[in-house]
Amino acid sequence: MEWAGGNYAARNHPIRRMKKSLLLTLGTCAVLLVTDTAVGQTVKTIYFVRHAEDQLGVFQAGLSGKAYVPDCKPFMDAGILTDCCTEVLNPLGVERAKLLVNWFNDRGLTPSITHVLATHKIRTLQTVQPIAHAAGLDRDVNGDGLPDGADVDKNPGDGVQQIPAFVTECETGYEVAHNFYPLVVQHLSALPLGSGIVVAGHSASLYPIMESLGIATSGPRFPKSANGRVNGYNNLWVVEMDGANQGRLVAHVRLNFTLKETVTP
């Protein structure tokens, strides 16, 4: 199976206009963000992000291989038969993933990243795998040409621990976002103090995860859509988690496609 995006990139002219550098406009707030995420072994520092922009995944079909068919399967969701379609990053999302790893690199945070978590959905893995790579979590340790990351899942060695680990989106046993977020909380709780963790989630799961850590997700630092989910793709939350597995919001950062950075007061 080969993923393809058709002529999407050619049609998305705004991507061509996107700048390639990230402008820092925070002043003292940026210093606070960096220093608060390097407090040693007393807390775990977690960076929560939503997956980047996505599109329906398709695969080549037909004798000529020139037909593109959506990757959709029948799926029973809470007793209702519906379609489950695999989604992958679109060109805009791929660009955001690149800028996200640049954000960590530019602030000197990448060496502090010890764990990268995604869900069993491809779009979350694609969003944060570049961070895992930049942090060296997918190194080829034994020289066999294959990555030797510590993750144990259906894509072992790439440095990103997927949760749930052994079921791919839309396969039998696949879980929707509001059902698997407790597994992410359990995994975060088991990680040692001093860890630096990037978590890629979904609009439906990120706020419940943070709430499970004792963070009230109300107010302007937690933009919500009409159904109470994360609104937009340009939010990053920095959270400290102590030895009792209680969380504290350090900063909410907005990264938009003018590539300016702001912190919500």
C-alpha atoms as a PDB file:
ATOM      1  CA  MET A   1       0.000   0.000   0.000  1.00  0.00           C
ATOM      2  CA  GLU A   2       1.339   3.404  -0.938  1.00  0.00           C
ATOM      3  CA  TRP A   3      -0.030   6.589   0.588  1.00  0.00           C
ATOM      4  CA  ALA A   4      -0.555   9.408  -1.858  1.00  0.00           C
ATOM      5  CA  GLY A   5      -1.888  12.906  -1.747  1.00  0.00           C
ATOM      6  CA  GLY A   6      -2.766  13.417  -5.375  1.00  0.00           C
ATOM      7  CA  ASN A   7      -2.238  16.991  -6.533  1.00  0.00           C
ATOM      8  CA  TYR A   8      -3.020  18.442  -3.122  1.00  0.00           C
ATOM      9  CA  ALA A   9       0.372  20.117  -2.753  1.00  0.00           C
ATOM     10  CA  ALA A  10       0.112  21.802  -6.102  1.00  0.00           C
ATOM     11  CA  ARG A  11      -3.262  23.223  -5.218  1.00  0.00           C
ATOM     12  CA  ASN A  12      -2.297  24.563  -1.796  1.00  0.00           C
ATOM     13  CA  HIS A  13      -0.620  27.790  -2.744  1.00  0.00           C
ATOM     14  CA  PRO A  14      -0.641  29.204   0.840  1.00  0.00           C
ATOM     15  CA  ILE A  15       1.988  26.637   1.764  1.00  0.00           C
ATOM     16  CA  ARG A  16       4.351  28.110  -0.768  1.00  0.00           C
ATOM     17  CA  ARG A  17       3.979  31.464   0.901  1.00  0.00           C
ATOM     18  CA  MET A  18       4.794  30.186   4.340  1.00  0.00           C
ATOM     19  CA  LYS A  19       7.984  31.523   5.836  1.00  0.00           C
ATOM     20  CA  LYS A  20      10.673  29.095   6.923  1.00  0.00           C
ATOM     21  CA  SER A  21      11.769  30.737  10.128  1.00  0.00           C
ATOM     22  CA  LEU A  22      10.096  30.991  13.514  1.00  0.00           C
ATOM     23  CA  LEU A  23       9.981  34.451  15.040  1.00  0.00           C
ATOM     24  CA  LEU A  24      10.367  34.807  18.785  1.00  0.00           C
ATOM     25  CA  THR A  25       8.149  37.517  20.226  1.00  0.00           C
ATOM     26  CA  LEU A  26       7.927  36.486  23.841  1.00  0.00           C
ATOM     27  CA  GLY A  27      10.765  38.308  25.587  1.00  0.00           C
ATOM     28  CA  THR A  28      10.858  37.330  29.225  1.00  0.00           C
ATOM     29  CA  CYS A  29       8.041  34.814  28.751  1.00  0.00           C
ATOM     30  CA  ALA A  30      10.328  32.739  26.524  1.00  0.00           C
ATOM     31  CA  VAL A  31      12.993  32.679  29.222  1.00  0.00           C
ATOM     32  CA  LEU A  32      10.403  31.547  31.721  1.00  0.00           C
ATOM     33  CA  LEU A  33       9.303  28.766  29.395  1.00  0.00           C
ATOM     34  CA  VAL A  34      12.811  27.396  28.918  1.00  0.00           C
ATOM     35  CA  THR A  35      13.897  27.643  32.541  1.00  0.00           C
ATOM     36  CA  ASP A  36      10.713  26.107  33.869  1.00  0.00           C
ATOM     37  CA  THR A  37      11.178  23.081  31.608  1.00  0.00           C
ATOM     38  CA  ALA A  38      14.677  22.380  32.927  1.00  0.00           C
ATOM     39  CA  VAL A  39      14.108  21.993  36.633  1.00  0.00           C
ATOM     40  CA  GLY A  40      15.965  18.696  37.023  1.00  0.00           C
ATOM     41  CA  GLN A  41      14.621  15.577  38.625  1.00  0.00           C
ATOM     42  CA  THR A  42      11.739  17.044  40.624  1.00  0.00           C
ATOM     43  CA  VAL A  43       9.161  17.015  37.834  1.00  0.00           C
ATOM     44  CA  LYS A  44       8.371  15.566  34.443  1.00  0.00           C
ATOM     45  CA  THR A  45       7.992  18.169  31.710  1.00  0.00           C
ATOM     46  CA  ILE A  46       5.293  17.401  29.161  1.00  0.00           C
ATOM     47  CA  TYR A  47       4.632  19.191  25.874  1.00  0.00           C
ATOM     48  CA  PHE A  48       1.109  18.540  24.638  1.00  0.00           C
ATOM     49  CA  VAL A  49       0.247  19.145  20.981  1.00  0.00           C
ATOM     50  CA  ARG A  50      -2.581  18.197  18.705  1.00  0.00           C
ATOM     51  CA  HIS A  51      -1.667  16.352  15.525  1.00  0.00           C
ATOM     52  CA  ALA A  52      -1.072  18.633  12.554  1.00  0.00           C
ATOM     53  CA  GLU A  53      -3.491  19.222   9.676  1.00  0.00           C
ATOM     54  CA  ASP A  54      -4.622  16.060   7.939  1.00  0.00           C
ATOM     55  CA  GLN A  55      -6.467  14.643   4.985  1.00  0.00           C
ATOM     56  CA  LEU A  56      -8.119  11.395   4.028  1.00  0.00           C
ATOM     57  CA  GLY A  57      -5.571   8.671   3.367  1.00  0.00           C
ATOM     58  CA  VAL A  58      -5.779   6.988  -0.022  1.00  0.00           C
ATOM     59  CA  PHE A  59      -3.960   4.107  -1.653  1.00  0.00           C
ATOM     60  CA  GLN A  60      -3.204   3.261  -5.238  1.00  0.00           C
ATOM     61  CA  ALA A  61      -5.484   0.698  -6.825  1.00  0.00           C
ATOM     62  CA  GLY A  62      -6.320  -0.754 -10.203  1.00  0.00           C
ATOM     63  CA  LEU A  63      -4.157  -2.581 -12.691  1.00  0.00           C
ATOM     64  CA  SER A  64      -2.401   0.608 -13.709  1.00  0.00           C
ATOM     65  CA  GLY A  65      -2.028   1.848 -10.153  1.00  0.00           C
ATOM     66  CA  LYS A  66      -3.402   5.220 -11.216  1.00  0.00           C
ATOM     67  CA  ALA A  67      -6.629   5.025  -9.240  1.00  0.00           C
ATOM     68  CA  TYR A  68      -6.686   6.406  -5.703  1.00  0.00           C
ATOM     69  CA  VAL A  69      -9.141   4.844  -3.286  1.00  0.00           C
ATOM     70  CA  PRO A  70      -9.951   6.202   0.197  1.00  0.00           C
ATOM     71  CA  ASP A  71      -8.759   3.864   2.935  1.00  0.00           C
ATOM     72  CA  CYS A  72     -12.097   3.395   4.687  1.00  0.00           C
ATOM     73  CA  LYS A  73     -13.552   0.386   6.462  1.00  0.00           C
ATOM     74  CA  PRO A  74     -16.885  -0.336   8.166  1.00  0.00           C
ATOM     75  CA  PHE A  75     -16.595   0.373  11.881  1.00  0.00           C
ATOM     76  CA  MET A  76     -18.968  -0.153  14.792  1.00  0.00           C
ATOM     77  CA  ASP A  77     -18.780   2.924  17.042  1.00  0.00           C
ATOM     78  CA  ALA A  78     -20.868   2.656  20.227  1.00  0.00           C
ATOM     79  CA  GLY A  79     -23.277   0.297  18.458  1.00  0.00           C
ATOM     80  CA  ILE A  80     -23.601   2.467  15.364  1.00  0.00           C
ATOM     81  CA  LEU A  81     -22.190   1.210  12.079  1.00  0.00           C
ATOM     82  CA  THR A  82     -20.154   3.904  10.395  1.00  0.00           C
ATOM     83  CA  ASP A  83     -17.090   4.267   8.203  1.00  0.00           C
ATOM     84  CA  CYS A  84     -13.618   4.529   9.696  1.00  0.00           C
ATOM     85  CA  CYS A  85     -11.178   6.238   7.353  1.00  0.00           C
ATOM     86  CA  THR A  86      -7.428   6.466   7.886  1.00  0.00           C
ATOM     87  CA  GLU A  87      -6.158  10.044   7.883  1.00  0.00           C
ATOM     88  CA  VAL A  88      -2.614  11.213   7.187  1.00  0.00           C
ATOM     89  CA  LEU A  89      -0.929  14.609   7.311  1.00  0.00           C
ATOM     90  CA  ASN A  90      -1.590  16.833   4.350  1.00  0.00           C
ATOM     91  CA  PRO A  91       1.213  19.061   2.972  1.00  0.00           C
ATOM     92  CA  LEU A  92       0.256  21.817   5.394  1.00  0.00           C
ATOM     93  CA  GLY A  93       0.483  19.346   8.276  1.00  0.00           C
ATOM     94  CA  VAL A  94       3.863  18.085   7.101  1.00  0.00           C
ATOM     95  CA  GLU A  95       5.099  21.670   7.107  1.00  0.00           C
ATOM     96  CA  ARG A  96       3.771  22.211  10.626  1.00  0.00           C
ATOM     97  CA  ALA A  97       5.549  19.074  11.837  1.00  0.00           C
ATOM     98  CA  LYS A  98       8.826  20.450  10.473  1.00  0.00           C
ATOM     99  CA  LEU A  99       8.255  23.785  12.173  1.00  0.00           C
ATOM    100  CA  LEU A 100       7.396  22.056  15.434  1.00  0.00           C
ATOM    101  CA  VAL A 101      10.732  20.271  15.594  1.00  0.00           C
ATOM    102  CA  ASN A 102      12.412  23.578  14.697  1.00  0.00           C
ATOM    103  CA  TRP A 103      10.655  25.154  17.677  1.00  0.00           C
ATOM    104  CA  PHE A 104      12.219  22.622  20.038  1.00  0.00           C
ATOM    105  CA  ASN A 105      15.628  22.911  18.365  1.00  0.00           C
ATOM    106  CA  ASP A 106      15.664  26.708  18.414  1.00  0.00           C
ATOM    107  CA  ARG A 107      15.005  26.771  22.167  1.00  0.00           C
ATOM    108  CA  GLY A 108      17.585  24.147  23.012  1.00  0.00           C
ATOM    109  CA  LEU A 109      14.871  21.815  24.290  1.00  0.00           C
ATOM    110  CA  THR A 110      15.464  18.854  21.980  1.00  0.00           C
ATOM    111  CA  PRO A 111      18.273  17.256  24.064  1.00  0.00           C
ATOM    112  CA  SER A 112      15.918  17.205  27.065  1.00  0.00           C
ATOM    113  CA  ILE A 113      13.305  15.096  25.253  1.00  0.00           C
ATOM    114  CA  THR A 114      13.452  11.540  26.579  1.00  0.00           C
ATOM    115  CA  HIS A 115      10.082  10.208  25.420  1.00  0.00           C
ATOM    116  CA  VAL A 116       7.717  10.921  22.542  1.00  0.00           C
ATOM    117  CA  LEU A 117       4.149   9.599  22.629  1.00  0.00           C
ATOM    118  CA  ALA A 118       1.577   9.335  19.860  1.00  0.00           C
ATOM    119  CA  THR A 119      -1.684   7.471  19.445  1.00  0.00           C
ATOM    120  CA  HIS A 120      -2.364   4.529  17.154  1.00  0.00           C
ATOM    121  CA  LYS A 121      -3.420   6.976  14.450  1.00  0.00           C
ATOM    122  CA  ILE A 122      -0.921   7.704  11.716  1.00  0.00           C
ATOM    123  CA  ARG A 123      -1.373  11.471  11.793  1.00  0.00           C
ATOM    124  CA  THR A 124      -0.131  11.751  15.391  1.00  0.00           C
ATOM    125  CA  LEU A 125       2.900   9.594  14.630  1.00  0.00           C
ATOM    126  CA  GLN A 126       3.744  11.725  11.590  1.00  0.00           C
ATOM    127  CA  THR A 127       3.445  14.903  13.654  1.00  0.00           C
ATOM    128  CA  VAL A 128       6.019  14.011  16.293  1.00  0.00           C
ATOM    129  CA  GLN A 129       8.334  11.435  14.728  1.00  0.00           C
ATOM    130  CA  PRO A 130      10.615  14.257  13.485  1.00  0.00           C
ATOM    131  CA  ILE A 131      11.027  15.340  17.128  1.00  0.00           C
ATOM    132  CA  ALA A 132      11.934  11.801  18.188  1.00  0.00           C
ATOM    133  CA  HIS A 133      14.487  11.684  15.390  1.00  0.00           C
ATOM    134  CA  ALA A 134      15.988  15.057  16.312  1.00  0.00           C
ATOM    135  CA  ALA A 135      16.230  13.921  19.941  1.00  0.00           C
ATOM    136  CA  GLY A 136      18.090  10.778  18.881  1.00  0.00           C
ATOM    137  CA  LEU A 137      15.402   8.418  20.140  1.00  0.00           C
ATOM    138  CA  ASP A 138      15.515   6.349  16.947  1.00  0.00           C
ATOM    139  CA  ARG A 139      19.279   5.811  16.766  1.00  0.00           C
ATOM    140  CA  ASP A 140      20.726   2.722  15.100  1.00  0.00           C
ATOM    141  CA  VAL A 141      22.526   1.348  18.145  1.00  0.00           C
ATOM    142  CA  ASN A 142      23.727  -2.008  16.819  1.00  0.00           C
ATOM    143  CA  GLY A 143      24.707  -0.869  13.326  1.00  0.00           C
ATOM    144  CA  ASP A 144      22.275  -3.052  11.404  1.00  0.00           C
ATOM    145  CA  GLY A 145      20.762  -0.104   9.573  1.00  0.00           C
ATOM    146  CA  LEU A 146      17.493  -0.239  11.509  1.00  0.00           C
ATOM    147  CA  PRO A 147      16.335   2.176  14.221  1.00  0.00           C
ATOM    148  CA  ASP A 148      16.641   0.869  17.767  1.00  0.00           C
ATOM    149  CA  GLY A 149      14.290   3.097  19.733  1.00  0.00           C
ATOM    150  CA  ALA A 150      12.885   1.818  23.013  1.00  0.00           C
ATOM    151  CA  ASP A 151       9.252   1.995  21.872  1.00  0.00           C
ATOM    152  CA  VAL A 152       7.282  -1.243  21.917  1.00  0.00           C
ATOM    153  CA  ASP A 153       4.448  -1.039  19.403  1.00  0.00           C
ATOM    154  CA  LYS A 154       3.513  -1.865  15.806  1.00  0.00           C
ATOM    155  CA  ASN A 155       6.268   0.435  14.528  1.00  0.00           C
ATOM    156  CA  PRO A 156       9.119  -0.530  16.863  1.00  0.00           C
ATOM    157  CA  GLY A 157      12.353   1.404  16.973  1.00  0.00           C
ATOM    158  CA  ASP A 158      11.197   4.732  15.569  1.00  0.00           C
ATOM    159  CA  GLY A 159      11.446   6.410  18.975  1.00  0.00           C
ATOM    160  CA  VAL A 160       7.722   7.141  19.271  1.00  0.00           C
ATOM    161  CA  GLN A 161       5.673   5.075  21.705  1.00  0.00           C
ATOM    162  CA  GLN A 162       2.202   4.670  20.253  1.00  0.00           C
ATOM    163  CA  ILE A 163      -0.686   4.239  22.679  1.00  0.00           C
ATOM    164  CA  PRO A 164      -2.550   1.924  22.184  1.00  0.00           C
ATOM    165  CA  ALA A 165       0.503   0.064  20.946  1.00  0.00           C
ATOM    166  CA  PHE A 166      -0.679  -2.846  18.852  1.00  0.00           C
ATOM    167  CA  VAL A 167      -3.778  -1.833  16.929  1.00  0.00           C
ATOM    168  CA  THR A 168      -3.747   0.373  13.862  1.00  0.00           C
ATOM    169  CA  GLU A 169      -6.464   2.880  13.065  1.00  0.00           C
ATOM    170  CA  CYS A 170      -9.627   1.206  11.754  1.00  0.00           C
ATOM    171  CA  GLU A 171      -8.417  -2.346  12.485  1.00  0.00           C
ATOM    172  CA  THR A 172     -10.412  -4.732  14.652  1.00  0.00           C
ATOM    173  CA  GLY A 173      -9.946  -3.598  18.249  1.00  0.00           C
ATOM    174  CA  TYR A 174      -9.359   0.014  17.224  1.00  0.00           C
ATOM    175  CA  GLU A 175     -10.437   2.494  19.872  1.00  0.00           C
ATOM    176  CA  VAL A 176     -11.766   5.991  19.317  1.00  0.00           C
ATOM    177  CA  ALA A 177     -10.043   8.948  20.975  1.00  0.00           C
ATOM    178  CA  HIS A 178     -12.318   9.284  23.989  1.00  0.00           C
ATOM    179  CA  ASN A 179     -11.701   5.661  24.994  1.00  0.00           C
ATOM    180  CA  PHE A 180      -7.915   5.389  24.970  1.00  0.00           C
ATOM    181  CA  TYR A 181      -6.808   8.558  26.759  1.00  0.00           C
ATOM    182  CA  PRO A 182      -6.628   6.820  30.206  1.00  0.00           C
ATOM    183  CA  LEU A 183      -3.862   4.639  28.738  1.00  0.00           C
ATOM    184  CA  VAL A 184      -1.847   7.773  27.988  1.00  0.00           C
ATOM    185  CA  VAL A 185      -2.309   9.003  31.571  1.00  0.00           C
ATOM    186  CA  GLN A 186      -1.131   5.643  32.932  1.00  0.00           C
ATOM    187  CA  HIS A 187       1.952   5.761  30.731  1.00  0.00           C
ATOM    188  CA  LEU A 188       2.810   9.315  31.774  1.00  0.00           C
ATOM    189  CA  SER A 189       2.420   8.399  35.428  1.00  0.00           C
ATOM    190  CA  ALA A 190       4.887   5.523  35.068  1.00  0.00           C
ATOM    191  CA  LEU A 191       7.676   7.623  33.523  1.00  0.00           C
ATOM    192  CA  PRO A 192      10.488   8.758  35.842  1.00  0.00           C
ATOM    193  CA  LEU A 193      10.924  12.257  37.213  1.00  0.00           C
ATOM    194  CA  GLY A 194      13.231  14.311  35.036  1.00  0.00           C
ATOM    195  CA  SER A 195      11.657  13.030  31.832  1.00  0.00           C
ATOM    196  CA  GLY A 196      10.972  15.380  28.959  1.00  0.00           C
ATOM    197  CA  ILE A 197       7.927  14.131  27.078  1.00  0.00           C
ATOM    198  CA  VAL A 198       6.187  15.207  23.885  1.00  0.00           C
ATOM    199  CA  VAL A 199       2.603  13.985  23.587  1.00  0.00           C
ATOM    200  CA  ALA A 200       0.671  14.190  20.330  1.00  0.00           C
ATOM    201  CA  GLY A 201      -3.053  13.760  20.772  1.00  0.00           C
ATOM    202  CA  HIS A 202      -6.407  14.612  19.276  1.00  0.00           C
ATOM    203  CA  SER A 203      -8.965  17.340  19.740  1.00  0.00           C
ATOM    204  CA  ALA A 204     -11.120  14.947  21.786  1.00  0.00           C
ATOM    205  CA  SER A 205      -8.379  13.519  24.007  1.00  0.00           C
ATOM    206  CA  LEU A 206      -5.947  16.297  24.966  1.00  0.00           C
ATOM    207  CA  TYR A 207      -8.152  18.173  27.439  1.00  0.00           C
ATOM    208  CA  PRO A 208      -9.343  15.003  29.240  1.00  0.00           C
ATOM    209  CA  ILE A 209      -5.716  13.915  29.603  1.00  0.00           C
ATOM    210  CA  MET A 210      -4.714  17.250  31.139  1.00  0.00           C
ATOM    211  CA  GLU A 211      -7.788  17.230  33.367  1.00  0.00           C
ATOM    212  CA  SER A 212      -6.754  13.789  34.627  1.00  0.00           C
ATOM    213  CA  LEU A 213      -3.531  15.430  35.785  1.00  0.00           C
ATOM    214  CA  GLY A 214      -5.493  17.976  37.823  1.00  0.00           C
ATOM    215  CA  ILE A 215      -5.407  20.843  35.306  1.00  0.00           C
ATOM    216  CA  ALA A 216      -8.632  22.804  34.844  1.00  0.00           C
ATOM    217  CA  THR A 217      -9.040  23.308  31.108  1.00  0.00           C
ATOM    218  CA  SER A 218     -11.088  26.488  31.224  1.00  0.00           C
ATOM    219  CA  GLY A 219     -10.246  30.001  30.144  1.00  0.00           C
ATOM    220  CA  PRO A 220      -8.333  31.447  27.194  1.00  0.00           C
ATOM    221  CA  ARG A 221      -5.366  29.124  27.550  1.00  0.00           C
ATOM    222  CA  PHE A 222      -7.574  26.250  26.450  1.00  0.00           C
ATOM    223  CA  PRO A 223      -9.336  27.282  23.229  1.00  0.00           C
ATOM    224  CA  LYS A 224     -12.387  25.138  22.580  1.00  0.00           C
ATOM    225  CA  SER A 225     -14.640  24.457  19.649  1.00  0.00           C
ATOM    226  CA  ALA A 226     -18.416  24.354  20.034  1.00  0.00           C
ATOM    227  CA  ASN A 227     -18.274  20.718  21.185  1.00  0.00           C
ATOM    228  CA  GLY A 228     -15.662  21.435  23.855  1.00  0.00           C
ATOM    229  CA  ARG A 229     -12.706  19.975  21.992  1.00  0.00           C
ATOM    230  CA  VAL A 230      -9.371  21.574  21.172  1.00  0.00           C
ATOM    231  CA  ASN A 231      -9.877  24.341  18.644  1.00  0.00           C
ATOM    232  CA  GLY A 232      -7.213  24.631  15.956  1.00  0.00           C
ATOM    233  CA  TYR A 233      -3.849  23.007  15.344  1.00  0.00           C
ATOM    234  CA  ASN A 234      -1.551  25.756  16.589  1.00  0.00           C
ATOM    235  CA  ASN A 235      -1.537  25.166  20.353  1.00  0.00           C
ATOM    236  CA  LEU A 236       1.244  23.802  22.531  1.00  0.00           C
ATOM    237  CA  TRP A 237       0.890  23.361  26.289  1.00  0.00           C
ATOM    238  CA  VAL A 238       3.850  22.959  28.636  1.00  0.00           C
ATOM    239  CA  VAL A 239       2.908  21.037  31.772  1.00  0.00           C
ATOM    240  CA  GLU A 240       4.977  20.016  34.793  1.00  0.00           C
ATOM    241  CA  MET A 241       3.996  16.759  36.488  1.00  0.00           C
ATOM    242  CA  ASP A 242       5.263  16.141  40.010  1.00  0.00           C
ATOM    243  CA  GLY A 243       6.033  12.961  41.930  1.00  0.00           C
ATOM    244  CA  ALA A 244       2.390  12.623  42.921  1.00  0.00           C
ATOM    245  CA  ASN A 245       1.449  12.765  39.227  1.00  0.00           C
ATOM    246  CA  GLN A 246      -0.259  16.123  39.607  1.00  0.00           C
ATOM    247  CA  GLY A 247       0.099  18.548  36.739  1.00  0.00           C
ATOM    248  CA  ARG A 248       0.728  22.295  36.623  1.00  0.00           C
ATOM    249  CA  LEU A 249       0.358  24.380  33.481  1.00  0.00           C
ATOM    250  CA  VAL A 250       3.574  26.278  32.805  1.00  0.00           C
ATOM    251  CA  ALA A 251       2.690  27.899  29.491  1.00  0.00           C
ATOM    252  CA  HIS A 252       0.273  27.883  26.586  1.00  0.00           C
ATOM    253  CA  VAL A 253       1.986  28.753  23.311  1.00  0.00           C
ATOM    254  CA  ARG A 254       0.316  29.548  19.998  1.00  0.00           C
ATOM    255  CA  LEU A 255       2.210  28.823  16.803  1.00  0.00           C
ATOM    256  CA  ASN A 256       0.392  30.055  13.722  1.00  0.00           C
ATOM    257  CA  PHE A 257       1.219  30.102  10.054  1.00  0.00           C
ATOM    258  CA  THR A 258       2.648  33.573  10.136  1.00  0.00           C
ATOM    259  CA  LEU A 259       5.033  31.670  12.421  1.00  0.00           C
ATOM    260  CA  LYS A 260       4.784  34.142  15.226  1.00  0.00           C
ATOM    261  CA  GLU A 261       4.741  32.845  18.735  1.00  0.00           C
ATOM    262  CA  THR A 262       2.534  34.218  21.498  1.00  0.00           C
ATOM    263  CA  VAL A 263       1.715  33.159  25.021  1.00  0.00           C
ATOM    264  CA  THR A 264      -1.826  33.574  26.309  1.00  0.00           C
ATOM    265  CA  PRO A 265      -1.802  35.881  29.382  1.00  0.00           C
END
